Amino acid sequence: MPTIQPPKEGEPDVAEQLTSGEIAGFGSFLMTHNIGVTLTAFALGITLGIGTAWLMFYNGVTTGALAAVFYDAGAVRPFAAGILPHGVVEIPAMLIGGAAGSCWLKGCGRQSRGRARRRWLKRARKRCSCWPASFRC
């Protein structure tokens, strides 16, 4: 089983380098994982945010535990280089998915489907500054 051990002083770093195909595969896995987390947060938004809050808490605990392991091994820089690009995408996606799920819940049942969708999209456009200005429903 591999362990997280930094090389001793004076010893060369013998960590194997990944090929471009392995890096591309890993990047694809991360984006697929982020999409899955976002859809899960959207679905858990139906629980009035309780499920989304639990997902955020669980994500924070596991990330903190990994950070502690890497810190004890003296490998903070590789941890930061690996986790920060992933977290920068996943955490906002999780928050947006959870918020969208709770907004969707508020609109269910009171109006026709088309009217509720148009109203929800109008509110979403106002709340999300990254919404493309050219997109019209």
Protein backbone atom coordinates (compact mmCIF):
# COMPACT_ATOMS: atom_id res chain seq x y z
CA MET A 1 0.00 0.00 0.00
CA PRO A 2 1.45 3.39 -0.92
CA THR A 3 2.13 5.85 1.86
CA ILE A 4 2.67 9.58 1.96
CA GLN A 5 6.34 9.87 2.85
CA PRO A 6 8.52 12.73 1.74
CA PRO A 7 12.02 11.82 0.56
CA LYS A 8 14.78 12.08 3.16
CA GLU A 9 17.27 14.91 2.86
CA GLY A 10 19.77 14.30 0.10
CA GLU A 11 17.70 11.55 -1.56
CA PRO A 12 16.19 12.20 -4.98
CA ASP A 13 12.41 12.26 -5.32
CA VAL A 14 11.54 8.98 -7.05
CA ALA A 15 7.81 9.62 -7.44
CA GLU A 16 6.66 8.42 -10.84
CA GLN A 17 5.49 11.05 -13.30
CA LEU A 18 2.02 10.77 -14.79
CA THR A 19 1.55 10.61 -18.53
CA SER A 20 -0.63 13.17 -20.31
CA GLY A 21 -3.31 10.50 -20.80
CA GLU A 22 -3.40 9.75 -17.07
CA ILE A 23 -3.66 13.45 -16.27
CA ALA A 24 -6.48 13.88 -18.80
CA GLY A 25 -8.28 10.86 -17.35
CA PHE A 26 -7.97 12.23 -13.85
CA GLY A 27 -9.25 15.64 -14.97
CA SER A 28 -12.22 13.95 -16.61
CA PHE A 29 -12.91 12.02 -13.40
CA LEU A 30 -12.81 15.22 -11.34
CA MET A 31 -15.28 17.04 -13.58
CA THR A 32 -17.61 14.03 -13.63
CA HIS A 33 -17.38 13.87 -9.84
CA ASN A 34 -18.13 17.61 -9.56
CA ILE A 35 -21.22 17.22 -11.75
CA GLY A 36 -22.39 14.34 -9.58
CA VAL A 37 -21.87 16.36 -6.40
CA THR A 38 -23.77 19.31 -7.89
CA LEU A 39 -26.72 17.12 -8.90
CA THR A 40 -26.72 15.53 -5.45
CA ALA A 41 -26.73 18.97 -3.82
CA PHE A 42 -29.60 19.96 -6.15
CA ALA A 43 -31.58 16.87 -5.15
CA LEU A 44 -30.82 17.45 -1.45
CA GLY A 45 -32.03 21.04 -1.80
CA ILE A 46 -35.52 19.53 -1.60
CA THR A 47 -34.77 18.85 2.09
CA LEU A 48 -34.89 22.64 2.66
CA GLY A 49 -31.11 22.82 2.71
CA ILE A 50 -30.54 20.26 5.48
CA GLY A 51 -29.12 17.67 3.08
CA THR A 52 -27.00 20.27 1.32
CA ALA A 53 -25.64 21.49 4.67
CA TRP A 54 -24.80 17.89 5.59
CA LEU A 55 -23.02 17.45 2.25
CA MET A 56 -20.97 20.61 2.87
CA PHE A 57 -20.14 19.48 6.42
CA TYR A 58 -19.07 16.02 5.25
CA ASN A 59 -16.96 17.52 2.47
CA GLY A 60 -15.26 19.85 4.97
CA VAL A 61 -14.53 17.06 7.46
CA THR A 62 -12.98 14.76 4.86
CA THR A 63 -10.94 17.59 3.35
CA GLY A 64 -9.75 18.61 6.83
CA ALA A 65 -8.78 15.03 7.68
CA LEU A 66 -6.80 14.73 4.45
CA ALA A 67 -5.13 18.07 5.12
CA ALA A 68 -4.06 16.84 8.58
CA VAL A 69 -2.58 13.65 7.12
CA PHE A 70 -0.63 15.56 4.48
CA TYR A 71 0.49 18.16 7.04
CA ASP A 72 1.83 15.43 9.35
CA ALA A 73 3.72 13.92 6.42
CA GLY A 74 5.20 17.31 5.54
CA ALA A 75 3.53 17.34 2.13
CA VAL A 76 1.37 20.46 2.34
CA ARG A 77 2.42 21.83 -1.05
CA PRO A 78 1.43 18.70 -3.06
CA PHE A 79 -1.85 18.56 -1.15
CA ALA A 80 -2.62 22.20 -1.90
CA ALA A 81 -1.63 21.79 -5.54
CA GLY A 82 -3.97 18.83 -5.89
CA ILE A 83 -6.95 19.93 -3.82
CA LEU A 84 -7.28 23.67 -4.49
CA PRO A 85 -8.06 23.47 -8.23
CA HIS A 86 -10.65 20.79 -7.51
CA GLY A 87 -12.26 22.60 -4.56
CA VAL A 88 -12.48 25.91 -6.40
CA VAL A 89 -14.89 24.27 -8.85
CA GLU A 90 -16.69 21.82 -6.56
CA ILE A 91 -17.66 24.03 -3.62
CA PRO A 92 -19.37 26.82 -5.62
CA ALA A 93 -21.05 24.19 -7.81
CA MET A 94 -22.35 22.44 -4.69
CA LEU A 95 -23.69 25.71 -3.28
CA ILE A 96 -25.37 26.69 -6.55
CA GLY A 97 -26.88 23.21 -6.91
CA GLY A 98 -28.26 23.28 -3.36
CA ALA A 99 -29.68 26.77 -3.80
CA ALA A 100 -31.27 25.77 -7.10
CA GLY A 101 -32.81 22.72 -5.43
CA SER A 102 -34.37 24.78 -2.66
CA CYS A 103 -35.63 27.39 -5.18
CA TRP A 104 -37.13 24.59 -7.24
CA LEU A 105 -38.91 23.25 -4.16
CA LYS A 106 -40.47 26.66 -3.46
CA GLY A 107 -41.94 26.81 -6.96
CA CYS A 108 -43.44 23.31 -6.99
CA GLY A 109 -47.17 22.79 -6.79
CA ARG A 110 -48.45 26.38 -6.77
CA GLN A 111 -48.33 27.22 -10.48
CA SER A 112 -48.38 25.59 -13.85
CA ARG A 113 -45.10 24.00 -14.81
CA GLY A 114 -44.28 26.49 -17.56
CA ARG A 115 -45.09 29.53 -15.44
CA ALA A 116 -43.12 28.20 -12.46
CA ARG A 117 -40.12 27.47 -14.71
CA ARG A 118 -40.16 30.95 -16.24
CA ARG A 119 -40.46 32.56 -12.80
CA TRP A 120 -37.66 30.39 -11.39
CA LEU A 121 -35.38 31.18 -14.35
CA LYS A 122 -36.08 34.90 -13.95
CA ARG A 123 -35.06 34.76 -10.25
CA ALA A 124 -32.02 32.62 -11.07
CA ARG A 125 -30.81 35.12 -13.66
CA LYS A 126 -31.05 37.93 -11.13
CA ARG A 127 -29.16 35.98 -8.46
CA CYS A 128 -26.40 34.58 -10.63
CA SER A 129 -24.13 37.25 -12.05
CA CYS A 130 -22.42 34.74 -14.35
CA TRP A 131 -25.62 34.08 -16.35
CA PRO A 132 -24.95 34.80 -20.04
CA ALA A 133 -26.70 38.03 -20.98
CA SER A 134 -27.55 36.69 -24.44
CA PHE A 135 -29.55 33.70 -23.08
CA ARG A 136 -33.30 34.31 -23.34
CA CYS A 137 -36.10 31.93 -22.42
